[in-house]
Amino acid sequence: MKRRFLSLFFHNAAKKDVVFSCVVLLLCVGMYFLPTGFEDRLAPNTEKVEGRIISVDNSQMEQHGLVLSGSQGVEVELLAGRWKGQVIRTGNHFLGKMELDRVFEPEDHALMNITYSEDIITWAHTADHYRLRIEFVLLLIFSLFLLFYGGFFGFQAILSFFFTGLTIWKLMIPCMLKGTDPIVLSFVIVCILSAVILFLVAGVNKKGVVALLGAATGLGVTALLTLYFTKPFQISGAVRPFSETLLYSGFTHLNLTRIFIAGVVLSASGAVMDLAMDISAAMSEIVRHHPGISRRELFLSGNSIGRSVIGTMTTTLLLAYSGGYLAMLMLFMGQGIPDANILNMNYVAAEILHTIVGSFGLVLVAPITTIMGALLYVPGRRKS
């Protein structure tokens, strides 16, 4: 039974792909324990624990339309940590912003920020609703579905997901905060991510190499175009949420515009990798089923595939970026703001630049991947 399960799990998995996956897994474990260098910025003698709301006092809470003001008194039972079981009283203060304010009800669970001195709690704050458990459950369901559906290939997809998240959080962001040039860093990071993800998905073979070469070229063009057009667009990196807050948090040395460009490259990398892999995989299948195909015929077939995919991929970028600003667009229309004013706003102009430059990288990655595939697949076939 065990042998049959392993046989099904590793079905069609090459030994070198298993070894590569193990290496990536070890890298993930290493990055998880890698210090970012900013751990010392955490306040001393603090603890984050889960708490259960026992009762609330809304006598000091005022509501003006949709906006809350004042505060809400809460009685909380701590469910973890050194003060597990202890009941404390604290306040939930409102800022007058719907995206930041939260209202608690009895039996809600909250993430509590605790400050202590020796064995005494000196301050407690309800940070927000406790979501860590449901986030973990959702991630677990997602992972189990991938494993059940894809077997070892599903495991590789999970591995690429965690490797991407850890690389961004443990390497890219700390290096940016320490002053590393965001544009160069983002390009290097997305190239590393592209290599790992594509080789996990396609295997350590020509299919992965062709996709990687096409993706890296497309991302390089995206970075150069964003760098060139950001100045005439008069776009400041402050258009992104929390950018100004970042400067006021002690990082005045950072260049927000270059961080904006790095964000464009990073966000476009997923679609670029997707398109490069689609074309590379399709060309690989063409060669496998038609081993006598010429380089010219393979190139023309790859171009045909690329043209078919480009239309939907560019629209995908437009839908993805528009979805993040849906409420803003509704506000503009609801207030009757003219189209010329809307298109000239820095927030909208930033998304236009984001979408068009990312789409241009997609358009270029298709012919580049096709050329690489024609050059690498056909000579490899002849040598064998």
Protein backbone atom coordinates (compact mmCIF):
# COMPACT_ATOMS: atom_id res chain seq x y z
CA MET A 1 0.00 0.00 0.00
CA LYS A 2 2.79 2.38 0.96
CA ARG A 3 4.75 1.50 -2.18
CA ARG A 4 1.67 2.05 -4.33
CA PHE A 5 1.05 5.46 -2.75
CA LEU A 6 4.65 6.53 -3.38
CA SER A 7 4.40 5.27 -6.95
CA LEU A 8 1.28 7.37 -7.56
CA PHE A 9 2.72 10.40 -5.76
CA PHE A 10 5.97 10.43 -7.75
CA HIS A 11 4.33 9.38 -11.03
CA ASN A 12 6.35 10.72 -14.01
CA ALA A 13 8.69 12.63 -11.66
CA ALA A 14 12.32 12.54 -12.79
CA LYS A 15 15.02 11.90 -10.18
CA LYS A 16 16.73 15.24 -10.88
CA ASP A 17 13.42 17.04 -10.33
CA VAL A 18 12.99 15.34 -6.96
CA VAL A 19 16.54 16.36 -6.00
CA PHE A 20 15.92 19.95 -7.13
CA SER A 21 12.70 20.07 -5.10
CA CYS A 22 14.57 18.86 -2.02
CA VAL A 23 17.14 21.62 -2.50
CA VAL A 24 14.39 24.24 -2.77
CA LEU A 25 12.73 22.81 0.34
CA LEU A 26 15.99 23.17 2.27
CA LEU A 27 16.31 26.75 1.01
CA CYS A 28 12.79 27.47 2.27
CA VAL A 29 13.64 26.12 5.71
CA GLY A 30 16.85 28.16 5.78
CA MET A 31 15.06 31.37 4.77
CA TYR A 32 12.34 30.80 7.35
CA PHE A 33 14.94 30.97 10.14
CA LEU A 34 16.98 33.71 8.45
CA PRO A 35 16.91 36.94 10.51
CA THR A 36 15.87 40.04 8.59
CA GLY A 37 17.91 42.43 10.75
CA PHE A 38 14.84 44.31 11.91
CA GLU A 39 13.84 42.07 14.80
CA ASP A 40 15.39 44.52 17.27
CA ARG A 41 12.85 47.17 16.26
CA LEU A 42 10.16 45.23 18.11
CA ALA A 43 9.29 46.79 21.47
CA PRO A 44 10.86 44.90 24.41
CA ASN A 45 8.73 42.97 26.88
CA THR A 46 5.84 42.53 24.45
CA GLU A 47 3.78 39.52 23.55
CA LYS A 48 1.10 38.80 20.91
CA VAL A 49 -1.60 36.42 22.16
CA GLU A 50 -5.12 35.36 21.30
CA GLY A 51 -7.94 36.63 23.47
CA ARG A 52 -11.69 35.94 23.73
CA ILE A 53 -14.03 38.90 24.15
CA ILE A 54 -16.18 38.29 27.23
CA SER A 55 -18.17 41.53 27.26
CA VAL A 56 -18.18 44.97 25.64
CA ASP A 57 -19.16 48.46 26.80
CA ASN A 58 -20.41 50.68 23.96
CA SER A 59 -21.41 53.67 26.12
CA GLN A 60 -18.44 55.73 24.87
CA MET A 61 -18.90 54.73 21.21
CA GLU A 62 -20.52 57.25 18.87
CA GLN A 63 -21.56 56.72 15.27
CA HIS A 64 -21.83 59.60 12.82
CA GLY A 65 -23.24 58.11 9.64
CA LEU A 66 -20.72 55.45 8.68
CA VAL A 67 -17.91 56.83 10.84
CA LEU A 68 -17.23 55.70 14.41
CA SER A 69 -15.67 57.85 17.11
CA GLY A 70 -14.85 57.47 20.77
CA SER A 71 -13.94 54.06 22.13
CA GLN A 72 -15.34 50.69 23.06
CA GLY A 73 -14.60 49.09 26.42
CA VAL A 74 -13.80 45.37 26.19
CA GLU A 75 -13.27 42.62 28.71
CA VAL A 76 -10.93 39.95 27.36
CA GLU A 77 -9.87 36.50 28.51
CA LEU A 78 -6.33 35.68 27.35
CA LEU A 79 -6.19 32.24 25.71
CA ALA A 80 -2.42 31.78 25.32
CA GLY A 81 0.93 32.87 26.67
CA ARG A 82 2.13 33.23 30.24
CA TRP A 83 -1.13 34.94 31.30
CA LYS A 84 -3.42 32.30 29.86
CA GLY A 85 -6.81 32.38 31.61
CA GLN A 86 -6.36 35.90 32.98
CA VAL A 87 -9.17 38.41 32.34
CA ILE A 88 -8.22 42.01 31.55
CA ARG A 89 -10.08 45.18 30.65
CA THR A 90 -8.92 47.50 27.89
CA GLY A 91 -10.22 49.92 25.28
CA ASN A 92 -10.79 49.70 21.56
CA HIS A 93 -10.26 53.24 20.27
CA PHE A 94 -11.73 54.37 16.94
CA LEU A 95 -9.82 56.43 14.39
CA GLY A 96 -12.76 57.47 12.22
CA LYS A 97 -11.59 55.32 9.28
CA MET A 98 -13.68 52.37 8.19
CA GLU A 99 -10.69 50.45 6.85
CA LEU A 100 -8.90 50.64 10.20
CA ASP A 101 -11.68 50.61 12.83
CA ARG A 102 -13.15 47.36 14.10
CA VAL A 103 -16.06 46.67 16.46
CA PHE A 104 -15.97 43.66 18.77
CA GLU A 105 -18.86 41.56 20.01
CA PRO A 106 -18.94 39.03 22.88
CA GLU A 107 -17.34 35.69 21.91
CA ASP A 108 -15.21 37.35 19.20
CA HIS A 109 -11.54 36.46 19.24
CA ALA A 110 -8.94 39.24 19.11
CA LEU A 111 -5.21 39.48 18.67
CA MET A 112 -3.93 41.14 21.84
CA ASN A 113 -0.77 43.22 22.11
CA ILE A 114 0.54 42.79 25.65
CA THR A 115 3.26 44.88 27.30
CA TYR A 116 4.55 43.61 30.63
CA SER A 117 7.04 44.32 33.38
CA GLU A 118 8.24 41.18 35.14
CA ASP A 119 4.97 39.33 35.91
CA ILE A 120 2.61 42.30 35.60
CA ILE A 121 0.70 43.38 32.49
CA THR A 122 1.27 47.12 32.16
CA TRP A 123 -0.64 47.69 28.90
CA ALA A 124 -2.96 45.75 26.63
CA HIS A 125 -4.44 46.57 23.25
CA THR A 126 -6.90 44.81 20.95
CA ALA A 127 -4.92 44.89 17.69
CA ASP A 128 -7.61 43.34 15.49
CA HIS A 129 -9.83 40.32 15.06
CA TYR A 130 -7.88 37.09 15.40
CA ARG A 131 -7.56 35.62 11.89
CA LEU A 132 -4.45 33.46 12.14
CA ARG A 133 -6.36 30.22 12.70
CA ILE A 134 -8.72 30.63 9.75
CA GLU A 135 -5.82 31.76 7.55
CA PHE A 136 -3.96 28.58 8.45
CA VAL A 137 -7.05 26.44 7.77
CA LEU A 138 -7.55 28.04 4.35
CA LEU A 139 -3.88 27.51 3.49
CA LEU A 140 -4.09 23.90 4.64
CA ILE A 141 -7.16 23.23 2.47
CA PHE A 142 -5.43 24.83 -0.50
CA SER A 143 -2.29 22.71 0.05
CA LEU A 144 -4.24 19.46 0.49
CA PHE A 145 -6.18 20.13 -2.71
CA LEU A 146 -2.94 20.65 -4.64
CA LEU A 147 -1.44 17.47 -3.19
CA PHE A 148 -4.56 15.43 -3.91
CA TYR A 149 -4.92 16.73 -7.45
CA GLY A 150 -1.29 17.04 -8.50
CA GLY A 151 0.63 14.58 -6.36
CA PHE A 152 4.33 15.42 -6.53
CA PHE A 153 3.64 18.22 -9.02
CA GLY A 154 1.15 19.68 -6.56
CA PHE A 155 3.87 19.51 -3.91
CA GLN A 156 6.16 21.44 -6.26
CA ALA A 157 3.45 24.08 -6.73
CA ILE A 158 3.17 24.46 -2.93
CA LEU A 159 6.94 24.65 -2.70
CA SER A 160 7.11 27.42 -5.30
CA PHE A 161 4.37 29.31 -3.42
CA PHE A 162 6.27 29.26 -0.12
CA PHE A 163 9.64 29.91 -1.76
CA THR A 164 8.23 33.02 -3.44
CA GLY A 165 6.70 34.35 -0.23
CA LEU A 166 9.83 33.71 1.84
CA THR A 167 12.14 35.21 -0.79
CA ILE A 168 10.12 38.43 -0.91
CA TRP A 169 9.71 38.70 2.87
CA LYS A 170 13.13 37.51 4.02
CA LEU A 171 15.39 38.82 1.23
CA MET A 172 13.79 41.44 -1.01
CA ILE A 173 12.05 43.63 1.56
CA PRO A 174 14.90 43.70 4.14
CA CYS A 175 17.44 44.54 1.43
CA MET A 176 15.25 47.38 0.17
CA LEU A 177 14.90 48.77 3.69
CA LYS A 178 18.69 48.67 4.06
CA GLY A 179 19.14 50.79 0.94
CA THR A 180 19.76 48.30 -1.87
CA ASP A 181 18.66 49.72 -5.22
CA PRO A 182 15.04 48.53 -5.62
CA ILE A 183 15.10 48.21 -9.42
CA VAL A 184 18.24 46.09 -9.61
CA LEU A 185 17.17 44.06 -6.59
CA SER A 186 13.67 43.40 -7.93
CA PHE A 187 15.02 42.25 -11.29
CA VAL A 188 17.51 39.89 -9.65
CA ILE A 189 14.84 38.54 -7.29
CA VAL A 190 12.26 37.93 -10.02
CA CYS A 191 14.89 36.19 -12.15
CA ILE A 192 15.73 33.90 -9.22
CA LEU A 193 12.04 33.29 -8.57
CA SER A 194 11.43 32.63 -12.27
CA ALA A 195 14.24 30.09 -12.38
CA VAL A 196 13.06 28.22 -9.29
CA ILE A 197 9.35 28.30 -10.15
CA LEU A 198 9.78 27.39 -13.81
CA PHE A 199 12.20 24.54 -13.07
CA LEU A 200 9.83 23.25 -10.39
CA VAL A 201 6.90 23.39 -12.78
CA ALA A 202 8.63 22.21 -15.97
CA GLY A 203 11.49 20.22 -14.51
CA VAL A 204 15.20 20.85 -14.90
CA ASN A 205 15.19 20.55 -18.69
CA LYS A 206 15.00 22.53 -21.92
CA LYS A 207 11.36 23.41 -21.34
CA GLY A 208 12.31 25.29 -18.17
CA VAL A 209 15.36 26.91 -19.80
CA VAL A 210 13.36 28.22 -22.77
CA ALA A 211 10.66 29.63 -20.47
CA LEU A 212 13.28 31.22 -18.20
CA LEU A 213 15.09 32.95 -21.06
CA GLY A 214 11.82 34.34 -22.41
CA ALA A 215 10.60 35.47 -18.98
CA ALA A 216 13.90 37.14 -18.03
CA THR A 217 13.94 39.08 -21.30
CA GLY A 218 10.35 40.24 -20.86
CA LEU A 219 10.99 41.34 -17.26
CA GLY A 220 14.13 43.22 -18.28
CA VAL A 221 12.18 45.16 -20.91
CA THR A 222 9.42 45.86 -18.38
CA ALA A 223 11.96 47.33 -15.94
CA LEU A 224 13.60 49.51 -18.62
CA LEU A 225 10.29 50.82 -19.97
CA THR A 226 8.97 51.63 -16.50
CA LEU A 227 12.22 53.41 -15.66
CA TYR A 228 12.03 55.45 -18.87
CA PHE A 229 8.34 56.42 -18.78
CA THR A 230 7.98 57.12 -15.05
CA LYS A 231 9.61 60.54 -15.39
CA PRO A 232 7.47 61.90 -18.28
CA PHE A 233 4.40 60.50 -16.50
CA GLN A 234 5.44 62.55 -13.45
CA ILE A 235 4.64 59.60 -11.19
CA SER A 236 5.82 59.64 -7.60
CA GLY A 237 6.15 56.42 -5.63
CA ALA A 238 3.96 58.03 -2.97
CA VAL A 239 0.87 56.96 -4.96
CA ARG A 240 1.17 53.53 -3.35
CA PRO A 241 -0.53 52.92 0.03
CA PHE A 242 1.68 53.35 3.12
CA SER A 243 4.56 54.83 1.08
CA GLU A 244 4.53 58.13 2.96
CA THR A 245 4.12 56.31 6.26
CA LEU A 246 7.23 54.31 5.39
CA LEU A 247 9.29 57.50 5.13
CA TYR A 248 7.97 58.80 8.45
CA SER A 249 8.88 55.50 10.12
CA GLY A 250 12.58 56.29 9.95
CA PHE A 251 13.37 55.34 6.34
CA THR A 252 13.75 58.78 4.76
CA HIS A 253 16.69 57.51 2.68
CA LEU A 254 14.39 55.41 0.49
CA ASN A 255 13.50 56.43 -3.07
CA LEU A 256 9.75 55.84 -3.40
CA THR A 257 9.79 56.21 -7.18
CA ARG A 258 12.32 53.43 -7.62
CA ILE A 259 10.31 51.30 -5.21
CA PHE A 260 7.27 51.95 -7.41
CA ILE A 261 9.21 50.73 -10.46
CA ALA A 262 10.35 47.64 -8.55
CA GLY A 263 6.72 46.93 -7.70
CA VAL A 264 5.75 47.10 -11.38
CA VAL A 265 8.45 44.54 -12.26
CA LEU A 266 7.44 42.25 -9.40
CA SER A 267 3.71 42.35 -10.16
CA ALA A 268 4.26 41.73 -13.88
CA SER A 269 6.54 38.74 -13.28
CA GLY A 270 3.71 36.26 -12.66
CA ALA A 271 1.95 36.90 -15.97
CA VAL A 272 5.28 36.93 -17.81
CA MET A 273 6.27 33.55 -16.35
CA ASP A 274 2.84 32.16 -17.17
CA LEU A 275 3.03 33.19 -20.82
CA ALA A 276 6.63 32.00 -21.22
CA MET A 277 5.77 28.61 -19.77
CA ASP A 278 2.63 28.27 -21.93
CA ILE A 279 4.61 28.81 -25.12
CA SER A 280 7.59 26.70 -24.05
CA ALA A 281 5.40 23.77 -22.98
CA ALA A 282 3.35 23.93 -26.18
CA MET A 283 6.49 23.96 -28.36
CA SER A 284 7.91 21.06 -26.35
CA GLU A 285 4.77 19.02 -27.03
CA ILE A 286 4.92 19.89 -30.74
CA VAL A 287 8.49 18.58 -30.98
CA ARG A 288 7.59 15.46 -28.98
CA HIS A 289 4.67 14.57 -31.26
CA HIS A 290 6.35 15.73 -34.49
CA PRO A 291 10.06 14.95 -34.11
CA GLY A 292 10.71 15.67 -37.79
CA ILE A 293 9.52 19.28 -37.60
CA SER A 294 11.91 21.92 -38.93
CA ARG A 295 13.12 24.91 -36.96
CA ARG A 296 11.12 27.28 -39.20
CA GLU A 297 7.91 25.28 -38.78
CA LEU A 298 8.41 25.14 -35.01
CA PHE A 299 8.98 28.90 -34.92
CA LEU A 300 5.80 29.58 -36.90
CA SER A 301 3.79 27.25 -34.64
CA GLY A 302 5.19 28.96 -31.55
CA ASN A 303 4.28 32.36 -32.97
CA SER A 304 0.74 31.19 -33.64
CA ILE A 305 0.42 30.00 -30.04
CA GLY A 306 1.87 33.26 -28.72
CA ARG A 307 -0.56 35.41 -30.68
CA SER A 308 -3.49 33.42 -29.32
CA VAL A 309 -2.38 33.79 -25.70
CA ILE A 310 -1.25 37.43 -25.73
CA GLY A 311 -4.76 38.87 -26.06
CA THR A 312 -6.12 37.22 -22.93
CA MET A 313 -2.95 37.80 -20.91
CA THR A 314 -2.89 41.56 -21.48
CA THR A 315 -6.56 41.73 -20.54
CA THR A 316 -5.73 39.73 -17.40
CA LEU A 317 -3.36 42.48 -16.27
CA LEU A 318 -5.99 45.16 -16.90
CA LEU A 319 -8.60 43.24 -14.89
CA ALA A 320 -6.18 42.50 -12.04
CA TYR A 321 -5.05 46.09 -11.63
CA SER A 322 -8.55 47.57 -12.12
CA GLY A 323 -9.96 45.26 -9.45
CA GLY A 324 -7.74 46.81 -6.81
CA TYR A 325 -9.14 50.28 -7.51
CA LEU A 326 -12.77 49.38 -8.18
CA ALA A 327 -14.16 51.52 -5.35
CA MET A 328 -12.10 54.50 -6.50
CA LEU A 329 -13.40 54.20 -10.07
CA MET A 330 -16.97 53.95 -8.78
CA LEU A 331 -16.41 57.11 -6.74
CA PHE A 332 -15.15 59.00 -9.79
CA MET A 333 -18.17 58.00 -11.86
CA GLY A 334 -20.60 58.62 -9.02
CA GLN A 335 -19.29 62.17 -8.61
CA GLY A 336 -19.47 62.84 -12.36
CA ILE A 337 -15.75 63.56 -12.74
CA PRO A 338 -14.85 64.01 -16.45
CA ASP A 339 -12.83 61.27 -18.12
CA ALA A 340 -9.98 63.67 -18.87
CA ASN A 341 -9.63 64.48 -15.17
CA ILE A 342 -9.76 60.82 -14.22
CA LEU A 343 -7.08 59.79 -16.71
CA ASN A 344 -4.87 62.66 -15.55
CA MET A 345 -4.98 61.75 -11.84
CA ASN A 346 -1.71 60.38 -10.51
CA TYR A 347 -3.33 57.23 -9.09
CA VAL A 348 -4.98 56.39 -12.41
CA ALA A 349 -1.93 57.38 -14.46
CA ALA A 350 0.21 55.10 -12.31
CA GLU A 351 -2.09 52.16 -13.07
CA ILE A 352 -2.12 53.03 -16.78
CA LEU A 353 1.68 52.99 -16.78
CA HIS A 354 1.61 49.78 -14.76
CA THR A 355 -0.79 48.04 -17.15
CA ILE A 356 0.67 49.16 -20.47
CA VAL A 357 4.31 48.56 -19.52
CA GLY A 358 3.46 45.14 -18.09
CA SER A 359 1.51 44.30 -21.23
CA PHE A 360 4.41 45.40 -23.41
CA GLY A 361 6.66 42.98 -21.53
CA LEU A 362 4.10 40.26 -22.23
CA VAL A 363 3.96 41.09 -25.93
CA LEU A 364 7.75 40.85 -26.17
CA VAL A 365 8.12 37.66 -24.15
CA ALA A 366 6.08 35.70 -26.70
CA PRO A 367 8.41 36.10 -29.72
CA ILE A 368 11.53 35.84 -27.56
CA THR A 369 10.34 32.55 -26.04
CA THR A 370 9.42 31.31 -29.51
CA ILE A 371 12.88 32.12 -30.86
CA MET A 372 14.57 30.45 -27.89
CA GLY A 373 12.37 27.39 -28.27
CA ALA A 374 13.11 27.08 -31.98
CA LEU A 375 16.86 27.35 -31.33
CA LEU A 376 17.03 24.96 -28.38
CA TYR A 377 14.41 22.31 -29.13
CA VAL A 378 15.37 21.48 -32.70
CA PRO A 379 19.17 21.16 -32.25
CA GLY A 380 18.52 19.04 -29.16
CA ARG A 381 16.32 16.74 -31.22
CA ARG A 382 18.93 16.37 -33.95
CA LYS A 383 21.72 15.53 -31.53
CA SER A 384 19.68 12.73 -30.01
